[in-house]
Amino acid sequence: MLFGGIEGGGTKFVCAVGDDSGEILARQRFPTVTPQTTLHQAITFLKNQEVLRGERIAAIGIGSFGPVDLDPASEHYGHITRTPKPGWAFADVVGSVQLAFPDVPVAFDTDVNTAALGEHRWGAAQDWNTFAYLTVGTGIGGGVIVDGRMLHGLIHPEMGHVLLPRRDDDPLARGVCPFHPNCLEGLASGPSLEARWNVPGETLSPDHPAWDLEAYYLAHALADFMCTLSPQGIILGGSVMHQQQLFPLIRQKVHDLLNGYLVHPRLDDLDSFIVPPGLNDDAGVRGAIALAQAALAGGV
């Protein structure tokens, strides 16, 4: 069977078609511009793949940046809601795709929940039933799998907006989030690095003081998530986490912050507890394919 996956990010969209095993057969990525243009490109890609392969897509999974409305009973189900992304507030993502594929199941969730699903199915979390996935890039978001199922609730997790203590030596007087002066996204996302140091984060040397400060904020958030969710592990993805020197810094700071309070053999080896994605940058789009497969099977 042919499955469609759409990973909708605030900077770029990645679209793919995959097979029953979750392998990607074709993909396309393009910048996130207006909803009309971006969703049209995604739909066109999927339609073209049907023609090229002589096969109809059986189901489509969409993992979108947010916040999003995941309540099927809501009039805004399938919409992005109060996002700071210009032009995207209350964009109807699911409705646009469903209109183009009227007889095809379309499943919808957050981009980070979807990435967590991909890691659970094929990546670093195959042996974990309860874990968190955090992406650190243009924004910061978190997805959670609990007992093998994506965590929702009243809305969905907004782990990038947990409030943090600002470190006294931080040269950034206020985080870059327009909603909160000192939240994780505002203090540790890619744009906050650039605002703080006046250059893109990827241009900073591995020994630059930026990374110790970045690890400080991420470690505080992870320690809170560990105490709140009791995960079996945490996956850190996204463009900022391509800086591999962050991992040992974060693990050491988490260890120090917990101060021996949480006791379990898994926590004696944070190298295997706080890890990069097993699917690398494909976690989101492969998770969207897993979401499509689950929708066809009758449940997500």
Protein backbone atom coordinates (compact mmCIF):
# COMPACT_ATOMS: atom_id res chain seq x y z
CA MET A 1 0.00 0.00 0.00
CA LEU A 2 0.95 3.64 -0.48
CA PHE A 3 0.82 6.02 2.50
CA GLY A 4 1.20 9.78 2.48
CA GLY A 5 3.01 11.72 5.18
CA ILE A 6 3.13 15.47 5.70
CA GLU A 7 5.45 17.01 8.30
CA GLY A 8 4.37 20.63 8.59
CA GLY A 9 6.97 22.79 10.29
CA GLY A 10 7.06 26.51 10.84
CA THR A 11 10.10 26.81 8.56
CA LYS A 12 9.62 23.98 6.07
CA PHE A 13 7.20 21.26 5.03
CA VAL A 14 8.42 17.75 4.25
CA CYS A 15 6.09 15.49 2.27
CA ALA A 16 6.66 11.83 1.53
CA VAL A 17 5.03 8.64 0.40
CA GLY A 18 5.95 5.38 2.05
CA ASP A 19 5.14 1.70 1.92
CA ASP A 20 3.83 -0.77 4.49
CA SER A 21 7.24 -1.01 6.17
CA GLY A 22 7.46 2.76 6.59
CA GLU A 23 10.27 3.12 4.08
CA ILE A 24 10.19 6.43 2.22
CA LEU A 25 9.69 5.97 -1.53
CA ALA A 26 9.76 9.65 -2.48
CA ARG A 27 9.92 12.96 -0.67
CA GLN A 28 9.85 16.68 -1.27
CA ARG A 29 10.59 19.62 1.01
CA PHE A 30 9.76 23.27 0.52
CA PRO A 31 9.62 26.41 2.65
CA THR A 32 6.56 27.20 4.74
CA VAL A 33 5.07 30.28 3.12
CA THR A 34 1.32 31.04 3.02
CA PRO A 35 -1.15 28.28 3.93
CA GLN A 36 -2.68 28.34 0.45
CA THR A 37 0.65 27.95 -1.37
CA THR A 38 2.22 25.50 1.07
CA LEU A 39 -0.77 23.14 1.35
CA HIS A 40 -1.25 23.27 -2.43
CA GLN A 41 2.37 22.13 -2.87
CA ALA A 42 1.85 19.27 -0.42
CA ILE A 43 -1.34 18.13 -2.12
CA THR A 44 0.23 18.40 -5.58
CA PHE A 45 3.17 16.26 -4.49
CA LEU A 46 0.85 13.50 -3.19
CA LYS A 47 -1.35 13.64 -6.29
CA ASN A 48 1.69 13.40 -8.56
CA GLN A 49 2.95 10.37 -6.65
CA GLU A 50 -0.36 8.61 -7.21
CA VAL A 51 -0.02 9.20 -10.96
CA LEU A 52 3.65 8.20 -11.10
CA ARG A 53 3.07 4.98 -9.16
CA GLY A 54 -0.30 4.09 -10.62
CA GLU A 55 -1.68 3.57 -7.14
CA ARG A 56 -4.02 5.49 -4.87
CA ILE A 57 -2.81 6.66 -1.50
CA ALA A 58 -4.51 4.54 1.16
CA ALA A 59 -4.26 7.07 4.03
CA ILE A 60 -2.53 10.35 4.89
CA GLY A 61 -0.92 11.38 8.17
CA ILE A 62 -0.22 15.02 9.01
CA GLY A 63 2.04 16.22 11.82
CA SER A 64 1.75 19.98 12.08
CA PHE A 65 3.39 22.80 13.96
CA GLY A 66 0.96 24.40 16.34
CA PRO A 67 -0.81 24.97 18.52
CA VAL A 68 -3.44 22.84 16.78
CA ASP A 69 -6.99 21.71 17.51
CA LEU A 70 -7.10 17.92 17.93
CA ASP A 71 -10.68 17.63 19.22
CA PRO A 72 -12.81 15.97 16.50
CA ALA A 73 -15.92 17.53 18.06
CA SER A 74 -14.56 21.07 17.73
CA GLU A 75 -15.52 23.39 14.88
CA HIS A 76 -11.80 24.10 14.51
CA TYR A 77 -10.65 20.48 14.42
CA GLY A 78 -7.68 20.11 12.09
CA HIS A 79 -6.84 23.79 12.26
CA ILE A 80 -3.73 25.51 13.51
CA THR A 81 -4.88 27.89 16.25
CA ARG A 82 -3.07 30.86 17.83
CA THR A 83 0.32 30.43 16.25
CA PRO A 84 2.77 33.35 16.02
CA LYS A 85 3.55 32.19 12.45
CA PRO A 86 2.20 35.05 10.28
CA GLY A 87 -0.82 34.10 8.18
CA TRP A 88 -1.27 30.65 9.69
CA ALA A 89 -3.61 31.37 12.61
CA PHE A 90 -6.69 29.16 12.20
CA ALA A 91 -5.49 27.71 8.89
CA ASP A 92 -7.57 24.62 8.04
CA VAL A 93 -4.91 22.00 7.39
CA VAL A 94 -7.00 18.84 7.55
CA GLY A 95 -9.93 20.35 5.64
CA SER A 96 -7.67 21.38 2.75
CA VAL A 97 -6.13 17.92 2.45
CA GLN A 98 -9.44 16.09 2.94
CA LEU A 99 -11.06 18.16 0.20
CA ALA A 100 -8.36 16.99 -2.22
CA PHE A 101 -8.61 13.36 -1.04
CA PRO A 102 -12.30 12.99 -0.09
CA ASP A 103 -12.37 9.20 0.35
CA VAL A 104 -9.00 8.84 2.08
CA PRO A 105 -8.54 8.67 5.89
CA VAL A 106 -6.59 11.71 7.09
CA ALA A 107 -5.02 11.61 10.57
CA PHE A 108 -3.77 14.75 12.30
CA ASP A 109 -1.55 15.49 15.28
CA THR A 110 1.24 17.76 16.39
CA ASP A 111 4.54 17.55 14.55
CA VAL A 112 6.31 16.49 17.75
CA ASN A 113 3.76 13.86 18.78
CA THR A 114 4.06 12.51 15.25
CA ALA A 115 7.87 12.46 15.43
CA ALA A 116 7.60 10.61 18.75
CA LEU A 117 5.33 8.06 17.07
CA GLY A 118 7.92 7.54 14.32
CA GLU A 119 10.69 7.01 16.86
CA HIS A 120 8.49 4.57 18.78
CA ARG A 121 7.72 2.58 15.65
CA TRP A 122 11.10 2.54 13.91
CA GLY A 123 13.65 4.61 15.85
CA ALA A 124 15.35 5.12 19.20
CA ALA A 125 12.23 4.46 21.30
CA GLN A 126 11.25 1.02 20.05
CA ASP A 127 11.90 -0.45 23.52
CA TRP A 128 10.14 2.35 25.42
CA ASN A 129 6.40 2.59 26.07
CA THR A 130 6.51 5.97 27.83
CA PHE A 131 8.92 8.66 26.69
CA ALA A 132 9.25 12.25 25.55
CA TYR A 133 10.49 13.64 22.24
CA LEU A 134 11.70 17.24 22.19
CA THR A 135 12.62 19.13 19.04
CA VAL A 136 14.89 22.15 19.43
CA GLY A 137 15.03 24.31 16.33
CA THR A 138 13.22 27.38 15.04
CA GLY A 139 10.77 26.65 17.84
CA ILE A 140 10.75 24.11 20.64
CA GLY A 141 8.03 21.51 20.97
CA GLY A 142 7.55 18.26 22.80
CA GLY A 143 5.62 15.11 22.07
CA VAL A 144 4.87 12.39 24.59
CA ILE A 145 4.02 8.71 24.22
CA VAL A 146 2.35 7.17 27.28
CA ASP A 147 1.77 3.40 27.30
CA GLY A 148 2.35 3.36 23.56
CA ARG A 149 -0.16 6.12 22.73
CA MET A 150 0.33 9.78 21.90
CA LEU A 151 -0.55 12.05 24.80
CA HIS A 152 -3.33 14.55 24.28
CA GLY A 153 -5.55 15.99 26.99
CA LEU A 154 -7.46 19.24 27.07
CA ILE A 155 -5.36 20.35 24.08
CA HIS A 156 -1.92 18.75 23.67
CA PRO A 157 1.48 19.09 25.37
CA GLU A 158 3.14 22.51 24.95
CA MET A 159 6.49 21.57 26.40
CA GLY A 160 8.32 24.40 24.66
CA HIS A 161 6.45 26.93 26.77
CA VAL A 162 7.29 25.70 30.25
CA LEU A 163 8.59 28.63 32.29
CA LEU A 164 12.24 28.62 33.34
CA PRO A 165 14.56 30.58 35.64
CA ARG A 166 16.61 32.97 33.51
CA ARG A 167 20.32 32.60 34.29
CA ASP A 168 21.86 35.75 35.74
CA ASP A 169 24.68 35.90 33.16
CA ASP A 170 22.36 35.52 30.16
CA PRO A 171 23.06 38.46 27.81
CA LEU A 172 19.52 38.16 26.45
CA ALA A 173 17.32 40.37 28.62
CA ARG A 174 14.10 38.70 27.46
CA GLY A 175 13.34 35.50 25.59
CA VAL A 176 12.18 35.74 21.97
CA CYS A 177 8.74 34.16 22.56
CA PRO A 178 6.04 36.82 22.02
CA PHE A 179 3.82 35.21 24.66
CA HIS A 180 6.24 34.51 27.54
CA PRO A 181 9.41 36.39 28.52
CA ASN A 182 11.18 33.36 30.01
CA CYS A 183 9.91 30.10 28.52
CA LEU A 184 11.99 27.27 27.08
CA GLU A 185 11.30 28.23 23.46
CA GLY A 186 12.00 31.89 24.15
CA LEU A 187 15.34 31.15 25.81
CA ALA A 188 16.68 28.08 24.00
CA SER A 189 15.33 28.00 20.42
CA GLY A 190 17.46 28.75 17.35
CA PRO A 191 16.17 32.35 17.11
CA SER A 192 17.07 32.95 20.76
CA LEU A 193 20.65 31.88 20.05
CA GLU A 194 20.87 34.33 17.18
CA ALA A 195 19.25 37.13 19.19
CA ARG A 196 21.65 36.53 22.08
CA TRP A 197 24.91 36.23 20.14
CA ASN A 198 24.05 38.20 16.95
CA VAL A 199 25.01 35.32 14.67
CA PRO A 200 23.26 32.05 13.72
CA GLY A 201 23.88 29.35 16.30
CA GLU A 202 25.41 26.97 13.77
CA THR A 203 28.28 29.42 13.20
CA LEU A 204 29.35 29.38 16.85
CA SER A 205 32.36 27.24 17.80
CA PRO A 206 31.74 24.09 19.89
CA ASP A 207 33.49 25.67 22.88
CA HIS A 208 31.53 28.93 22.74
CA PRO A 209 29.78 29.84 26.03
CA ALA A 210 26.47 29.76 24.14
CA TRP A 211 26.31 25.98 24.50
CA ASP A 212 26.72 25.88 28.27
CA LEU A 213 23.86 28.35 28.58
CA GLU A 214 21.77 26.37 26.07
CA ALA A 215 22.40 23.19 28.05
CA TYR A 216 21.41 24.98 31.26
CA TYR A 217 17.94 25.81 29.93
CA LEU A 218 17.37 22.44 28.28
CA ALA A 219 18.54 20.55 31.39
CA HIS A 220 16.14 22.46 33.61
CA ALA A 221 13.26 21.57 31.32
CA LEU A 222 14.29 17.91 31.05
CA ALA A 223 14.62 17.55 34.82
CA ASP A 224 11.08 18.92 35.16
CA PHE A 225 9.76 16.53 32.50
CA MET A 226 11.47 13.59 34.18
CA CYS A 227 9.83 14.42 37.51
CA THR A 228 6.44 15.05 35.92
CA LEU A 229 6.15 12.30 33.30
CA SER A 230 8.53 9.63 34.61
CA PRO A 231 9.64 8.72 31.07
CA GLN A 232 11.77 5.71 30.21
CA GLY A 233 13.89 8.01 28.07
CA ILE A 234 14.02 11.36 26.31
CA ILE A 235 14.87 12.00 22.66
CA LEU A 236 16.29 15.38 21.64
CA GLY A 237 16.01 16.29 17.96
CA GLY A 238 15.90 19.40 15.82
CA SER A 239 18.52 21.57 14.16
CA VAL A 240 20.02 22.97 17.36
CA MET A 241 20.68 19.43 18.61
CA HIS A 242 22.94 18.84 15.62
CA GLN A 243 25.50 20.41 17.95
CA GLN A 244 26.62 17.11 19.42
CA GLN A 245 28.61 18.78 22.20
CA LEU A 246 25.25 19.67 23.78
CA PHE A 247 24.43 16.10 24.78
CA PRO A 248 27.17 15.58 27.41
CA LEU A 249 26.58 19.10 28.76
CA ILE A 250 22.85 18.47 29.14
CA ARG A 251 23.30 15.04 30.72
CA GLN A 252 25.72 16.38 33.32
CA LYS A 253 23.44 19.29 34.20
CA VAL A 254 20.40 17.00 34.47
CA HIS A 255 22.39 14.72 36.77
CA ASP A 256 23.35 17.68 38.97
CA LEU A 257 19.84 19.13 39.05
CA LEU A 258 18.21 15.83 40.08
CA ASN A 259 20.83 15.48 42.82
CA GLY A 260 20.22 11.75 43.25
CA TYR A 261 16.52 12.13 44.04
CA LEU A 262 15.16 9.88 41.28
CA VAL A 263 16.40 6.33 41.81
CA HIS A 264 16.35 3.75 39.01
CA PRO A 265 19.09 1.76 37.23
CA ARG A 266 18.14 3.49 33.93
CA LEU A 267 19.15 6.81 35.45
CA ASP A 268 22.65 5.55 36.22
CA ASP A 269 23.40 5.82 32.50
CA LEU A 270 22.06 9.10 31.14
CA ASP A 271 23.99 8.44 27.91
CA SER A 272 21.30 5.91 27.01
CA PHE A 273 18.47 7.89 28.62
CA ILE A 274 18.90 11.28 26.85
CA VAL A 275 19.57 10.42 23.23
CA PRO A 276 19.38 11.77 19.66
CA PRO A 277 16.67 10.49 17.29
CA GLY A 278 17.26 7.08 15.78
CA LEU A 279 15.61 8.29 12.56
CA ASN A 280 17.70 11.48 12.44
CA ASP A 281 15.78 14.20 10.59
CA ASP A 282 13.22 11.71 9.21
CA ALA A 283 11.43 11.19 12.53
CA GLY A 284 8.65 13.64 11.69
CA VAL A 285 7.81 12.52 8.19
CA ARG A 286 8.14 8.82 8.98
CA GLY A 287 5.96 9.42 12.01
CA ALA A 288 3.38 10.96 9.69
CA ILE A 289 3.45 7.77 7.63
CA ALA A 290 2.98 5.75 10.84
CA LEU A 291 0.04 8.03 11.67
CA ALA A 292 -1.48 7.28 8.25
CA GLN A 293 -1.06 3.54 8.78
CA ALA A 294 -2.75 3.76 12.17
CA ALA A 295 -5.64 5.76 10.66
CA LEU A 296 -6.22 3.09 8.04
CA ALA A 297 -6.18 0.42 10.75
CA GLY A 298 -8.98 2.26 12.53
CA GLY A 299 -7.24 4.07 15.36
CA VAL A 300 -4.27 6.22 16.31
